[in-house]
Protein backbone atom coordinates (compact mmCIF):
# COMPACT_ATOMS: atom_id res chain seq x y z
CA MET A 1 -15.53 93.57 -7.51
CA SER A 2 -12.15 95.14 -8.42
CA ARG A 3 -9.08 92.96 -8.93
CA ASN A 4 -7.42 94.24 -5.73
CA LYS A 5 -10.50 93.50 -3.64
CA LEU A 6 -10.73 90.02 -5.15
CA ILE A 7 -7.08 89.30 -4.21
CA ILE A 8 -7.66 90.54 -0.66
CA PHE A 9 -10.78 88.34 -0.41
CA PHE A 10 -8.87 85.19 -1.43
CA ILE A 11 -6.02 86.02 0.96
CA LEU A 12 -8.48 86.34 3.86
CA LEU A 13 -10.18 83.09 2.80
CA LEU A 14 -6.83 81.27 2.86
CA ILE A 15 -5.99 82.70 6.29
CA LEU A 16 -9.36 81.63 7.72
CA SER A 17 -9.04 78.15 6.18
CA GLY A 18 -5.58 77.71 7.65
CA TYR A 19 -6.76 78.88 11.08
CA TYR A 20 -9.70 76.43 10.95
CA LEU A 21 -7.37 73.54 10.08
CA TYR A 22 -5.03 74.50 12.93
CA LEU A 23 -7.89 74.48 15.45
CA ASN A 24 -9.22 71.18 14.12
CA ASN A 25 -5.85 69.44 14.41
CA ASN A 26 -4.77 70.89 17.74
CA GLY A 27 -7.87 71.79 19.65
CA THR A 28 -9.89 68.58 19.30
CA LYS A 29 -9.22 64.83 19.53
CA SER A 30 -8.88 63.15 16.15
CA THR A 31 -11.68 60.73 15.40
CA SER A 32 -9.05 58.25 14.15
CA GLU A 33 -7.17 58.24 17.46
CA PRO A 34 -7.54 54.77 19.03
CA TYR A 35 -9.36 54.19 22.30
CA ALA A 36 -6.91 53.43 25.12
CA ILE A 37 -8.30 50.40 26.98
CA SER A 38 -6.50 48.67 29.86
CA VAL A 39 -7.09 45.01 30.74
CA ILE A 40 -6.29 43.94 34.32
CA CYS A 41 -5.88 40.19 34.79
CA SER A 42 -6.36 38.20 38.01
CA GLY A 43 -3.06 36.31 37.93
CA LYS A 44 0.60 36.37 37.00
CA SER A 45 0.17 35.13 33.46
CA THR A 46 -2.17 35.37 30.47
CA GLU A 47 -1.25 31.82 29.36
CA ASN A 48 -4.64 30.38 30.36
CA LEU A 49 -6.39 33.43 28.87
CA SER A 50 -5.14 32.94 25.31
CA VAL A 51 -8.64 32.46 23.89
CA MET A 52 -10.10 35.47 25.72
CA LYS A 53 -7.07 37.53 24.72
CA SER A 54 -7.70 36.64 21.07
CA GLY A 55 -11.30 37.84 21.39
CA ILE A 56 -10.08 41.08 22.94
CA GLU A 57 -7.49 41.65 20.21
CA LYS A 58 -9.98 40.86 17.42
CA ALA A 59 -12.49 43.39 18.76
CA ALA A 60 -9.73 45.95 19.32
CA ASP A 61 -8.64 45.60 15.69
CA GLU A 62 -12.20 46.07 14.45
CA MET A 63 -13.08 48.94 16.81
CA ASN A 64 -9.88 50.98 16.73
CA ALA A 65 -8.74 50.29 20.30
CA ASP A 66 -5.22 50.20 21.71
CA ILE A 67 -5.03 47.47 24.39
CA SER A 68 -2.64 47.24 27.34
CA PHE A 69 -2.61 44.00 29.35
CA TYR A 70 -1.54 43.98 33.00
CA THR A 71 -0.80 40.85 35.02
CA LEU A 72 -0.13 40.61 38.76
CA THR A 73 3.11 39.80 40.58
CA SER A 74 1.18 37.18 42.57
CA ASP A 75 -2.09 35.41 41.77
CA ASN A 76 -5.35 36.69 43.26
CA ASP A 77 -3.86 39.87 44.74
CA ALA A 78 -6.80 42.22 45.33
CA ASN A 79 -4.64 45.11 46.56
CA GLN A 80 -2.53 45.09 43.41
CA GLN A 81 -5.64 45.04 41.23
CA ILE A 82 -6.95 48.09 43.08
CA GLU A 83 -3.64 49.89 42.59
CA LEU A 84 -3.59 49.04 38.87
CA LEU A 85 -7.20 50.17 38.43
CA LYS A 86 -6.53 53.56 40.03
CA ARG A 87 -3.26 54.00 38.16
CA GLU A 88 -4.73 53.27 34.72
CA ILE A 89 -7.63 55.65 35.29
CA ASN A 90 -5.25 58.38 36.48
CA ASN A 91 -2.98 57.75 33.49
CA GLY A 92 -5.80 58.49 31.06
CA ALA A 93 -7.24 55.13 30.02
CA ASN A 94 -10.54 55.59 28.18
CA ALA A 95 -11.90 52.36 29.73
CA VAL A 96 -10.76 49.45 31.90
CA LEU A 97 -11.59 45.74 31.63
CA ILE A 98 -10.95 43.89 34.87
CA MET A 99 -11.11 40.22 35.88
CA PRO A 100 -11.53 40.81 39.62
CA VAL A 101 -10.25 38.31 42.14
CA ASP A 102 -12.79 36.94 44.58
CA SER A 103 -12.51 39.78 47.10
CA PRO A 104 -15.27 42.19 48.17
CA ASN A 105 -12.57 44.84 48.67
CA LEU A 106 -12.65 45.43 44.90
CA ILE A 107 -16.30 46.39 44.69
CA LYS A 108 -16.00 49.97 45.97
CA PRO A 109 -12.90 50.88 43.86
CA MET A 110 -14.53 49.45 40.73
CA LYS A 111 -17.73 51.43 41.29
CA GLU A 112 -15.80 54.62 42.04
CA GLY A 113 -13.64 54.09 38.95
CA ASP A 114 -16.72 53.54 36.80
CA LYS A 115 -17.87 57.07 37.62
CA ILE A 116 -14.75 58.37 35.85
CA VAL A 117 -14.30 55.95 32.92
CA PRO A 118 -16.20 52.80 31.93
CA VAL A 119 -15.13 49.80 34.02
CA ILE A 120 -16.22 46.48 32.48
CA VAL A 121 -16.13 43.43 34.77
CA LEU A 122 -15.21 40.06 33.24
CA GLN A 123 -15.77 36.60 34.73
CA SER A 124 -16.70 37.68 38.24
CA SER A 125 -18.80 35.81 40.77
CA LEU A 126 -18.73 38.72 43.23
CA SER A 127 -22.11 39.80 44.55
CA ASN A 128 -23.30 43.40 44.76
CA LEU A 129 -21.99 44.40 41.34
CA SER A 130 -25.04 46.54 40.60
CA ASP A 131 -24.28 49.62 38.48
CA LEU A 132 -21.33 47.79 36.87
CA VAL A 133 -21.44 46.03 33.50
CA ASN A 134 -20.55 42.37 34.10
CA ILE A 135 -19.86 39.83 31.35
CA SER A 136 -19.63 36.31 32.70
CA CYS A 137 -20.82 32.74 32.50
CA ASN A 138 -23.55 31.38 34.77
CA ASN A 139 -21.02 29.42 36.81
CA ASP A 140 -23.62 27.89 39.10
CA GLN A 141 -25.41 26.36 36.11
CA LEU A 142 -22.08 25.30 34.60
CA GLY A 143 -21.26 23.47 37.83
CA GLN A 144 -24.66 21.77 37.90
CA ASN A 145 -24.40 20.62 34.28
CA LEU A 146 -20.89 19.26 34.78
CA ALA A 147 -21.98 17.40 37.92
CA LYS A 148 -24.86 15.81 36.00
CA GLU A 149 -22.36 14.67 33.37
CA ILE A 150 -20.13 13.24 36.11
CA LEU A 151 -23.03 11.26 37.59
CA GLN A 152 -23.76 9.78 34.18
CA LYS A 153 -20.22 8.38 34.18
CA GLN A 154 -19.73 7.68 37.91
CA ASN A 155 -21.85 6.14 40.67
CA SER A 156 -23.02 8.57 43.35
CA SER A 157 -21.49 6.25 45.96
CA GLN A 158 -18.03 7.19 44.69
CA ARG A 159 -15.82 9.51 46.71
CA PHE A 160 -15.68 12.98 45.17
CA VAL A 161 -12.89 15.49 45.84
CA ILE A 162 -13.39 19.14 44.86
CA LEU A 163 -10.06 20.89 44.21
CA ASN A 164 -9.58 24.56 45.09
CA ARG A 165 -13.18 25.45 45.88
CA LYS A 166 -12.15 29.00 46.82
CA ASN A 167 -11.09 29.73 43.23
CA SER A 168 -14.66 29.42 41.93
CA PRO A 169 -17.21 29.18 44.76
CA GLU A 170 -20.19 29.73 42.45
CA PHE A 171 -19.16 26.89 40.12
CA CYS A 172 -18.47 24.59 43.09
CA GLY A 173 -21.83 25.49 44.61
CA GLY A 174 -23.54 24.16 41.49
CA VAL A 175 -21.47 20.97 41.58
CA GLU A 176 -22.21 20.44 45.28
CA LYS A 177 -25.96 20.91 44.84
CA VAL A 178 -26.26 18.14 42.26
CA LEU A 179 -23.90 15.75 44.06
CA LYS A 180 -25.60 16.22 47.42
CA ASP A 181 -29.06 15.81 45.87
CA ALA A 182 -27.79 12.44 44.57
CA GLY A 183 -26.65 11.46 48.06
CA ALA A 184 -22.94 12.09 47.56
CA LYS A 185 -20.82 13.87 50.15
CA PRO A 186 -17.90 15.60 48.45
CA SER A 187 -14.70 16.40 50.31
CA TYR A 188 -12.48 19.42 49.64
CA LEU A 189 -8.78 19.87 48.99
CA ASP A 190 -7.06 23.25 48.76
CA PHE A 191 -4.06 22.87 46.46
CA SER A 192 -1.95 26.02 46.42
CA ASP A 193 1.52 24.58 45.74
CA LEU A 194 3.26 26.91 43.27
CA SER A 195 6.72 25.40 43.69
CA GLN A 196 8.68 23.44 41.11
CA ASP A 197 7.58 20.27 42.90
CA ALA A 198 3.88 21.02 42.27
CA PRO A 199 3.55 18.25 39.59
CA GLY A 200 5.12 15.71 41.95
CA HIS A 201 2.90 16.93 44.77
CA ALA A 202 -0.17 16.46 42.56
CA GLU A 203 0.95 12.92 41.69
CA ARG A 204 1.30 12.03 45.37
CA ILE A 205 -2.21 13.33 46.09
CA LEU A 206 -3.67 11.24 43.27
CA LEU A 207 -1.91 8.14 44.57
CA GLN A 208 -3.29 8.80 48.05
CA HIS A 209 -6.82 9.04 46.61
CA LYS A 210 -6.87 6.09 44.21
CA GLY A 211 -10.29 5.28 42.84
CA GLU A 212 -11.73 8.69 43.74
CA VAL A 213 -13.19 11.37 41.45
CA PHE A 214 -11.43 14.75 41.29
CA ILE A 215 -13.23 17.93 40.20
CA ALA A 216 -10.99 20.95 39.57
CA ALA A 217 -12.48 24.42 40.01
CA ASP A 218 -10.07 26.25 37.68
CA SER A 219 -8.10 25.56 34.52
CA ALA A 220 -4.62 25.75 36.09
CA THR A 221 -5.52 23.09 38.67
CA LEU A 222 -7.28 20.95 36.07
CA GLU A 223 -4.25 21.04 33.77
CA LEU A 224 -1.81 20.26 36.60
CA PHE A 225 -3.76 17.25 37.89
CA GLY A 226 -4.49 16.05 34.36
CA LYS A 227 -0.77 16.03 33.55
CA ALA A 228 -0.04 14.27 36.85
CA GLU A 229 -2.63 11.61 36.03
CA LYS A 230 -1.05 11.09 32.61
CA VAL A 231 2.36 10.49 34.22
CA LEU A 232 0.84 7.97 36.62
CA LYS A 233 -0.98 6.22 33.77
CA SER A 234 2.34 5.79 31.98
CA LYS A 235 3.57 3.96 35.11
CA ALA A 236 0.35 1.93 35.36
CA ALA A 237 -0.15 3.57 38.75
CA ALA A 238 -3.21 5.71 38.03
CA ASN A 239 -6.76 4.92 38.97
CA THR A 240 -8.54 8.26 39.42
CA GLN A 241 -11.08 10.15 37.34
CA ILE A 242 -10.44 13.82 36.49
CA PHE A 243 -13.12 16.40 35.68
CA GLY A 244 -13.08 20.17 35.85
CA VAL A 245 -13.65 23.57 34.33
CA GLY A 246 -11.39 25.48 31.97
CA ARG A 247 -9.59 25.26 28.66
CA SER A 248 -6.00 25.23 27.47
CA SER A 249 -4.31 23.37 24.63
CA SER A 250 -2.94 20.86 27.17
CA ILE A 251 -6.38 20.30 28.72
CA VAL A 252 -7.92 19.69 25.29
CA SER A 253 -5.18 17.15 24.47
CA LEU A 254 -5.70 15.37 27.80
CA LEU A 255 -9.44 15.29 27.15
CA GLU A 256 -8.93 13.74 23.70
CA GLU A 257 -6.58 11.13 25.19
CA GLY A 258 -9.15 10.20 27.83
CA VAL A 259 -6.92 11.27 30.73
CA ILE A 260 -9.46 13.95 31.65
CA GLN A 261 -13.00 12.57 31.46
CA ALA A 262 -15.06 15.72 30.86
CA ILE A 263 -14.76 19.50 31.15
CA GLY A 264 -16.96 22.56 31.29
CA VAL A 265 -15.84 25.34 28.93
CA GLU A 266 -17.22 28.86 28.76
CA ASN A 267 -17.09 31.01 25.64
CA GLN A 268 -13.93 32.91 26.57
CA TYR A 269 -13.50 34.34 23.08
CA GLY A 270 -16.98 35.86 23.35
CA ILE A 271 -16.22 37.32 26.78
CA GLY A 272 -13.11 39.05 25.46
CA TYR A 273 -14.76 40.33 22.27
CA LEU A 274 -17.85 41.63 24.04
CA GLY A 275 -15.72 43.23 26.76
CA ILE A 276 -14.08 45.52 24.22
CA LYS A 277 -17.33 46.16 22.35
CA MET A 278 -19.12 47.21 25.53
CA ALA A 279 -16.17 49.36 26.60
CA VAL A 280 -16.24 51.22 23.27
CA ASP A 281 -20.03 51.55 23.43
CA ARG A 282 -19.88 53.04 26.91
CA ILE A 283 -17.07 55.43 25.90
CA ASN A 284 -19.52 56.68 23.26
CA HIS A 285 -22.34 56.90 25.84
CA ILE A 286 -24.25 53.89 24.50
CA PRO A 287 -25.85 52.06 27.46
CA CYS A 288 -24.96 48.40 28.05
CA LYS A 289 -26.48 45.61 30.12
CA ASN A 290 -24.98 42.61 31.90
CA MET A 291 -24.55 39.55 29.72
CA ASN A 292 -24.30 35.83 30.44
CA ILE A 293 -22.05 33.90 28.05
CA ASN A 294 -22.86 30.37 26.90
CA PHE A 295 -20.87 27.26 27.83
CA VAL A 296 -20.57 23.61 26.84
CA ILE A 297 -19.87 20.32 28.64
CA SER A 298 -17.54 18.18 26.56
CA ASP A 299 -15.88 14.77 26.68
CA SER A 300 -13.84 12.85 24.12
CA SER A 301 -16.97 11.52 22.42
CA ASN A 302 -18.52 14.90 21.57
CA MET A 303 -15.56 17.30 21.44
CA TYR A 304 -15.80 17.55 17.65
CA HIS A 305 -19.49 18.40 17.58
CA PRO A 306 -19.78 21.90 15.99
CA GLU A 307 -20.62 23.90 19.14
CA ASN A 308 -18.08 22.06 21.28
CA GLU A 309 -15.41 22.30 18.61
CA TYR A 310 -15.91 26.08 18.42
CA MET A 311 -15.24 26.38 22.17
CA LEU A 312 -12.35 23.93 22.30
CA PHE A 313 -10.60 24.93 19.05
CA PRO A 314 -11.53 28.59 18.55
CA PHE A 315 -8.59 29.30 16.21
CA VAL A 316 -9.52 26.63 13.67
CA SER A 317 -11.35 28.20 10.74
């Protein structure tokens, strides 16, 4: 090959190489580009979701995902969740994690959205979620196990008050089954006071129900009534027993102090971590199945057992 032909050959090779690099950088998505995953919460704040949020962020860091969290302007607003779901899909999210409120109106939008991008359902007790990946705790069994713990500490002839049944009907169904089988007849109290006087309102309710056993169906209610009981104890005016489901740093402190007698805690860190993992798997066309997450029942006597400690203090190495 002559020198001129060799020069021409190398020039053409450089031109082709440059053209290939241009197409690779501009015509295809970079494999290092993070997955855009939106997380739609069921309330106004992520304060009580700190453990789940940590699981989400840990998985996102490991799996190259960029996470956007969205809270609601009012708690349990199904219409706003539907609007957020549609908006995030239209705005190009690669997947959506949603903690749906207890409304059947969400089922159709979630299923329609899942045909466009993966929609992963977290902590839902909604029925008819077939065709959707759902990561949750067996809340009925959690309720039954907590009720059995309560009956080990309290006589079935006691008066039992279930707080905010509507916030977790599956959990409360499990509680009711065990209590009723033992001959107890629980009553129900819907506490929806979101005003600044909510702590004082909770204190007044506890004073009106002295000697009774309260069972809170969600962490916000459990924390509120636990704090109210602590205030009353400081005035030597308390005489109620508090149980419930959920975890926060305040709830754990109240449990250790004996203000709250026992709690049921699901593996929220695992729910968050697996939510992101399954979202990334489905983005990459890897099939996923529904998963039930484990839970523990804990009181002050066993809160430092290894499994319980992991659930109650997930940030302690």
